[in-house]
């Protein structure tokens, strides 16, 4: 997964594919050793055994190709839908370009970091990567306003954008207020 940016990690199955790739290599070596042992050393391997093992290995291999195809389609990924809504992204290569721009801005044009590094504001982006599974990238120019709201024991910042209303939850009011203050300081 080396040299992979923030967005690509969220919208791809690379970690799963990488683990499956190691599994396939290991399974192939076990299959090869089994075949060599059965035919050359013990001489008790039957054709039906070989067919069964190769069939099982083939099923795993087909699963690998299914995941590879799924990686390029990305049609059921929530993060990808949000990126399409906010950035009019149509292809996977567009995500790669946006990812490079985001990384560049985080390194060189970062305005603020709050909530233990989980919210980053740059010149053109607001990036939310929160522990409760929320991940969102919003272009600054599409943000129309922020509003703090309390929902049960949690606090929520409603972010009104040109596209839709986003809700970002915080455990403490101070964390939500810190984000709002930093946003207003750098973008108003």
C-alpha atoms as a PDB file:
ATOM      1  CA  UNK A   1       0.000   0.000   0.000  1.00  0.00           C
ATOM      2  CA  UNK A   2       3.033   2.232  -0.212  1.00  0.00           C
ATOM      3  CA  UNK A   3       2.639   5.764  -1.572  1.00  0.00           C
ATOM      4  CA  UNK A   4      -1.127   5.549  -1.362  1.00  0.00           C
ATOM      5  CA  UNK A   5      -2.950   8.693  -0.362  1.00  0.00           C
ATOM      6  CA  UNK A   6      -5.753   9.328   2.076  1.00  0.00           C
ATOM      7  CA  UNK A   7      -8.656   9.075  -0.363  1.00  0.00           C
ATOM      8  CA  UNK A   8      -7.351   6.003  -2.149  1.00  0.00           C
ATOM      9  CA  UNK A   9      -7.153   4.108   1.143  1.00  0.00           C
ATOM     10  CA  UNK A  10     -10.793   4.915   1.794  1.00  0.00           C
ATOM     11  CA  UNK A  11     -12.196   4.020  -1.619  1.00  0.00           C
ATOM     12  CA  UNK A  12     -10.162   0.952  -2.592  1.00  0.00           C
ATOM     13  CA  UNK A  13      -9.844  -2.620  -1.489  1.00  0.00           C
ATOM     14  CA  UNK A  14      -6.027  -2.594  -1.747  1.00  0.00           C
ATOM     15  CA  UNK A  15      -5.397  -3.939   1.741  1.00  0.00           C
ATOM     16  CA  UNK A  16      -7.777  -6.843   1.145  1.00  0.00           C
ATOM     17  CA  UNK A  17      -6.316  -7.466  -2.296  1.00  0.00           C
ATOM     18  CA  UNK A  18      -2.775  -7.398  -0.933  1.00  0.00           C
ATOM     19  CA  UNK A  19      -3.629  -9.956   1.759  1.00  0.00           C
ATOM     20  CA  UNK A  20      -5.424 -12.140  -0.779  1.00  0.00           C
ATOM     21  CA  UNK A  21      -2.412 -11.929  -3.085  1.00  0.00           C
ATOM     22  CA  UNK A  22      -0.144 -13.289  -0.311  1.00  0.00           C
ATOM     23  CA  UNK A  23      -2.704 -16.007   0.385  1.00  0.00           C
ATOM     24  CA  UNK A  24      -2.792 -17.020  -3.282  1.00  0.00           C
ATOM     25  CA  UNK A  25       0.998 -17.248  -3.468  1.00  0.00           C
ATOM     26  CA  UNK A  26       1.102 -19.373  -0.316  1.00  0.00           C
ATOM     27  CA  UNK A  27      -1.741 -21.574  -1.509  1.00  0.00           C
ATOM     28  CA  UNK A  28      -0.007 -22.079  -4.847  1.00  0.00           C
ATOM     29  CA  UNK A  29       3.209 -23.172  -3.118  1.00  0.00           C
ATOM     30  CA  UNK A  30       1.277 -25.622  -0.906  1.00  0.00           C
ATOM     31  CA  UNK A  31      -0.518 -26.990  -3.976  1.00  0.00           C
ATOM     32  CA  UNK A  32       2.765 -27.411  -5.830  1.00  0.00           C
ATOM     33  CA  UNK A  33       4.416 -29.183  -2.861  1.00  0.00           C
ATOM     34  CA  UNK A  34       1.367 -31.447  -2.466  1.00  0.00           C
ATOM     35  CA  UNK A  35       1.456 -32.393  -6.130  1.00  0.00           C
ATOM     36  CA  UNK A  36       5.213 -33.056  -6.109  1.00  0.00           C
ATOM     37  CA  UNK A  37       4.975 -35.089  -2.917  1.00  0.00           C
ATOM     38  CA  UNK A  38       2.019 -37.139  -4.153  1.00  0.00           C
ATOM     39  CA  UNK A  39       3.349 -37.888  -7.629  1.00  0.00           C
ATOM     40  CA  UNK A  40       7.095 -38.156  -7.145  1.00  0.00           C
ATOM     41  CA  UNK A  41       7.710 -39.230  -3.543  1.00  0.00           C
ATOM     42  CA  UNK A  42       4.706 -41.185  -2.266  1.00  0.00           C
ATOM     43  CA  UNK A  43       3.314 -42.076  -5.705  1.00  0.00           C
ATOM     44  CA  UNK A  44      -0.232 -42.356  -4.369  1.00  0.00           C
ATOM     45  CA  UNK A  45      -1.865 -39.258  -5.865  1.00  0.00           C
ATOM     46  CA  UNK A  46      -5.022 -39.835  -7.847  1.00  0.00           C
ATOM     47  CA  UNK A  47      -6.459 -37.634 -10.577  1.00  0.00           C
ATOM     48  CA  UNK A  48      -9.634 -36.879  -8.577  1.00  0.00           C
ATOM     49  CA  UNK A  49      -7.469 -35.448  -5.736  1.00  0.00           C
ATOM     50  CA  UNK A  50      -5.655 -33.170  -8.169  1.00  0.00           C
ATOM     51  CA  UNK A  51      -8.939 -32.055  -9.737  1.00  0.00           C
ATOM     52  CA  UNK A  52     -10.448 -31.219  -6.338  1.00  0.00           C
ATOM     53  CA  UNK A  53      -7.444 -29.210  -5.185  1.00  0.00           C
ATOM     54  CA  UNK A  54      -7.098 -27.322  -8.454  1.00  0.00           C
ATOM     55  CA  UNK A  55     -10.856 -26.627  -8.408  1.00  0.00           C
ATOM     56  CA  UNK A  56     -10.667 -25.139  -4.897  1.00  0.00           C
ATOM     57  CA  UNK A  57      -7.651 -23.064  -5.859  1.00  0.00           C
ATOM     58  CA  UNK A  58      -9.524 -21.903  -8.980  1.00  0.00           C
ATOM     59  CA  UNK A  59     -12.447 -20.697  -6.861  1.00  0.00           C
ATOM     60  CA  UNK A  60     -10.126 -18.597  -4.697  1.00  0.00           C
ATOM     61  CA  UNK A  61      -8.461 -17.238  -7.818  1.00  0.00           C
ATOM     62  CA  UNK A  62     -11.866 -16.274  -9.299  1.00  0.00           C
ATOM     63  CA  UNK A  63     -12.669 -14.477  -6.020  1.00  0.00           C
ATOM     64  CA  UNK A  64      -9.423 -12.543  -6.370  1.00  0.00           C
ATOM     65  CA  UNK A  65     -10.393 -11.348  -9.856  1.00  0.00           C
ATOM     66  CA  UNK A  66     -13.879 -10.420  -8.624  1.00  0.00           C
ATOM     67  CA  UNK A  67     -12.327  -8.171  -5.962  1.00  0.00           C
ATOM     68  CA  UNK A  68      -9.989  -6.646  -8.562  1.00  0.00           C
ATOM     69  CA  UNK A  69     -13.001  -5.780 -10.743  1.00  0.00           C
ATOM     70  CA  UNK A  70     -14.870  -4.366  -7.739  1.00  0.00           C
ATOM     71  CA  UNK A  71     -11.914  -2.106  -7.002  1.00  0.00           C
ATOM     72  CA  UNK A  72     -12.262  -0.403 -10.348  1.00  0.00           C
ATOM     73  CA  UNK A  73     -16.069  -0.042 -10.230  1.00  0.00           C
ATOM     74  CA  UNK A  74     -16.414   1.460  -6.717  1.00  0.00           C
ATOM     75  CA  UNK A  75     -20.130   1.959  -7.276  1.00  0.00           C
ATOM     76  CA  UNK A  76     -21.308   1.057  -3.759  1.00  0.00           C
ATOM     77  CA  UNK A  77     -18.743   3.069  -1.787  1.00  0.00           C
ATOM     78  CA  UNK A  78     -20.208   5.917   0.316  1.00  0.00           C
ATOM     79  CA  UNK A  79     -16.970   7.911   0.253  1.00  0.00           C
ATOM     80  CA  UNK A  80     -16.904   7.638  -3.539  1.00  0.00           C
ATOM     81  CA  UNK A  81     -20.507   8.892  -3.740  1.00  0.00           C
ATOM     82  CA  UNK A  82     -19.594  11.911  -1.605  1.00  0.00           C
ATOM     83  CA  UNK A  83     -16.572  12.621  -3.798  1.00  0.00           C
ATOM     84  CA  UNK A  84     -18.777  12.461  -6.893  1.00  0.00           C
ATOM     85  CA  UNK A  85     -21.268  14.864  -5.304  1.00  0.00           C
ATOM     86  CA  UNK A  86     -18.682  17.416  -4.189  1.00  0.00           C
ATOM     87  CA  UNK A  87     -16.030  17.149  -6.889  1.00  0.00           C
ATOM     88  CA  UNK A  88     -17.902  15.733  -9.912  1.00  0.00           C
ATOM     89  CA  UNK A  89     -15.545  12.756 -10.041  1.00  0.00           C
ATOM     90  CA  UNK A  90     -16.398  10.132 -12.625  1.00  0.00           C
ATOM     91  CA  UNK A  91     -13.290   7.945 -12.879  1.00  0.00           C
ATOM     92  CA  UNK A  92     -10.871   6.327 -10.498  1.00  0.00           C
ATOM     93  CA  UNK A  93      -8.022   8.362 -12.017  1.00  0.00           C
ATOM     94  CA  UNK A  94      -9.846  11.533 -10.925  1.00  0.00           C
ATOM     95  CA  UNK A  95      -9.716  10.267  -7.336  1.00  0.00           C
ATOM     96  CA  UNK A  96      -5.962   9.757  -7.693  1.00  0.00           C
ATOM     97  CA  UNK A  97      -5.509  13.347  -8.918  1.00  0.00           C
ATOM     98  CA  UNK A  98      -7.690  14.755  -6.126  1.00  0.00           C
ATOM     99  CA  UNK A  99      -5.767  12.663  -3.610  1.00  0.00           C
ATOM    100  CA  UNK A 100      -2.435  14.073  -4.806  1.00  0.00           C
ATOM    101  CA  UNK A 101      -3.794  17.612  -4.548  1.00  0.00           C
ATOM    102  CA  UNK A 102      -5.132  16.937  -1.034  1.00  0.00           C
ATOM    103  CA  UNK A 103      -1.806  15.495   0.178  1.00  0.00           C
ATOM    104  CA  UNK A 104       0.063  18.451  -1.330  1.00  0.00           C
ATOM    105  CA  UNK A 105      -2.217  20.914   0.467  1.00  0.00           C
ATOM    106  CA  UNK A 106      -1.987  19.081   3.787  1.00  0.00           C
ATOM    107  CA  UNK A 107       1.805  19.286   3.577  1.00  0.00           C
ATOM    108  CA  UNK A 108       2.111  22.866   2.325  1.00  0.00           C
ATOM    109  CA  UNK A 109      -1.128  24.830   2.816  1.00  0.00           C
ATOM    110  CA  UNK A 110      -2.595  23.446   6.027  1.00  0.00           C
ATOM    111  CA  UNK A 111      -4.558  26.050   7.956  1.00  0.00           C
ATOM    112  CA  UNK A 112      -5.569  24.105  11.076  1.00  0.00           C
ATOM    113  CA  UNK A 113      -5.701  20.665  12.676  1.00  0.00           C
ATOM    114  CA  UNK A 114      -8.223  19.883  15.434  1.00  0.00           C
ATOM    115  CA  UNK A 115      -9.756  16.963  17.290  1.00  0.00           C
ATOM    116  CA  UNK A 116      -6.444  15.114  17.708  1.00  0.00           C
ATOM    117  CA  UNK A 117      -5.585  15.383  14.025  1.00  0.00           C
ATOM    118  CA  UNK A 118      -8.873  14.003  12.777  1.00  0.00           C
ATOM    119  CA  UNK A 119     -10.052  17.243  11.196  1.00  0.00           C
ATOM    120  CA  UNK A 120      -7.759  19.153   8.881  1.00  0.00           C
ATOM    121  CA  UNK A 121      -8.480  22.408   7.132  1.00  0.00           C
ATOM    122  CA  UNK A 122      -6.376  23.359   4.109  1.00  0.00           C
ATOM    123  CA  UNK A 123      -6.616  26.169   1.611  1.00  0.00           C
ATOM    124  CA  UNK A 124      -9.310  24.383  -0.441  1.00  0.00           C
ATOM    125  CA  UNK A 125     -10.499  21.407   1.648  1.00  0.00           C
ATOM    126  CA  UNK A 126     -12.021  20.314   4.949  1.00  0.00           C
ATOM    127  CA  UNK A 127     -11.014  16.721   5.705  1.00  0.00           C
ATOM    128  CA  UNK A 128     -12.858  14.718   8.380  1.00  0.00           C
ATOM    129  CA  UNK A 129     -11.463  11.314   9.360  1.00  0.00           C
ATOM    130  CA  UNK A 130     -13.148  10.595  12.680  1.00  0.00           C
ATOM    131  CA  UNK A 131     -12.815   7.504  14.887  1.00  0.00           C
ATOM    132  CA  UNK A 132     -16.498   6.610  14.631  1.00  0.00           C
ATOM    133  CA  UNK A 133     -16.095   5.771  10.951  1.00  0.00           C
ATOM    134  CA  UNK A 134     -17.031   9.136   9.500  1.00  0.00           C
ATOM    135  CA  UNK A 135     -14.880  10.149   6.552  1.00  0.00           C
ATOM    136  CA  UNK A 136     -15.639  13.173   4.483  1.00  0.00           C
ATOM    137  CA  UNK A 137     -13.817  15.595   2.217  1.00  0.00           C
ATOM    138  CA  UNK A 138     -15.601  18.875   1.511  1.00  0.00           C
ATOM    139  CA  UNK A 139     -14.365  21.703  -0.697  1.00  0.00           C
ATOM    140  CA  UNK A 140     -14.264  24.969   1.264  1.00  0.00           C
ATOM    141  CA  UNK A 141     -15.993  26.891  -1.529  1.00  0.00           C
ATOM    142  CA  UNK A 142     -19.115  24.680  -1.188  1.00  0.00           C
ATOM    143  CA  UNK A 143     -19.558  25.268   2.570  1.00  0.00           C
ATOM    144  CA  UNK A 144     -22.391  27.717   3.269  1.00  0.00           C
ATOM    145  CA  UNK A 145     -22.505  27.594   7.067  1.00  0.00           C
ATOM    146  CA  UNK A 146     -21.918  25.692  10.313  1.00  0.00           C
ATOM    147  CA  UNK A 147     -24.302  25.180  13.197  1.00  0.00           C
ATOM    148  CA  UNK A 148     -23.752  23.434  16.545  1.00  0.00           C
ATOM    149  CA  UNK A 149     -26.516  21.145  17.780  1.00  0.00           C
ATOM    150  CA  UNK A 150     -26.853  18.773  20.734  1.00  0.00           C
ATOM    151  CA  UNK A 151     -28.216  15.293  20.039  1.00  0.00           C
ATOM    152  CA  UNK A 152     -28.603  13.178  23.212  1.00  0.00           C
ATOM    153  CA  UNK A 153     -25.157  13.091  24.871  1.00  0.00           C
ATOM    154  CA  UNK A 154     -23.277  14.015  21.717  1.00  0.00           C
ATOM    155  CA  UNK A 155     -22.735  17.272  19.913  1.00  0.00           C
ATOM    156  CA  UNK A 156     -23.189  17.652  16.201  1.00  0.00           C
ATOM    157  CA  UNK A 157     -21.892  20.256  13.801  1.00  0.00           C
ATOM    158  CA  UNK A 158     -24.270  20.645  10.892  1.00  0.00           C
ATOM    159  CA  UNK A 159     -22.375  21.713   7.814  1.00  0.00           C
ATOM    160  CA  UNK A 160     -24.635  23.226   5.183  1.00  0.00           C
ATOM    161  CA  UNK A 161     -23.080  22.899   1.736  1.00  0.00           C
ATOM    162  CA  UNK A 162     -24.277  23.649  -1.783  1.00  0.00           C
ATOM    163  CA  UNK A 163     -24.803  19.909  -2.270  1.00  0.00           C
ATOM    164  CA  UNK A 164     -26.357  18.689   0.985  1.00  0.00           C
ATOM    165  CA  UNK A 165     -26.330  18.978   4.766  1.00  0.00           C
ATOM    166  CA  UNK A 166     -23.590  17.002   6.534  1.00  0.00           C
ATOM    167  CA  UNK A 167     -23.573  16.047  10.209  1.00  0.00           C
ATOM    168  CA  UNK A 168     -20.291  15.573  12.048  1.00  0.00           C
ATOM    169  CA  UNK A 169     -20.618  14.176  15.587  1.00  0.00           C
ATOM    170  CA  UNK A 170     -18.361  15.000  18.532  1.00  0.00           C
ATOM    171  CA  UNK A 171     -18.256  13.529  22.017  1.00  0.00           C
ATOM    172  CA  UNK A 172     -17.485  16.840  23.720  1.00  0.00           C
ATOM    173  CA  UNK A 173     -18.829  20.302  23.144  1.00  0.00           C
ATOM    174  CA  UNK A 174     -15.315  21.729  23.429  1.00  0.00           C
ATOM    175  CA  UNK A 175     -14.149  19.641  20.444  1.00  0.00           C
ATOM    176  CA  UNK A 176     -17.054  20.862  18.318  1.00  0.00           C
ATOM    177  CA  UNK A 177     -16.497  24.474  19.374  1.00  0.00           C
ATOM    178  CA  UNK A 178     -12.768  24.223  18.647  1.00  0.00           C
ATOM    179  CA  UNK A 179     -13.535  23.106  15.098  1.00  0.00           C
ATOM    180  CA  UNK A 180     -16.074  25.898  14.582  1.00  0.00           C
ATOM    181  CA  UNK A 181     -13.681  28.530  15.947  1.00  0.00           C
ATOM    182  CA  UNK A 182     -10.837  27.366  13.714  1.00  0.00           C
ATOM    183  CA  UNK A 183     -13.129  27.268  10.700  1.00  0.00           C
ATOM    184  CA  UNK A 184     -14.378  30.815  11.318  1.00  0.00           C
ATOM    185  CA  UNK A 185     -10.853  32.077  12.000  1.00  0.00           C
ATOM    186  CA  UNK A 186      -9.432  30.844   8.703  1.00  0.00           C
ATOM    187  CA  UNK A 187     -12.371  30.982   6.289  1.00  0.00           C
ATOM    188  CA  UNK A 188     -14.360  34.085   7.244  1.00  0.00           C
END
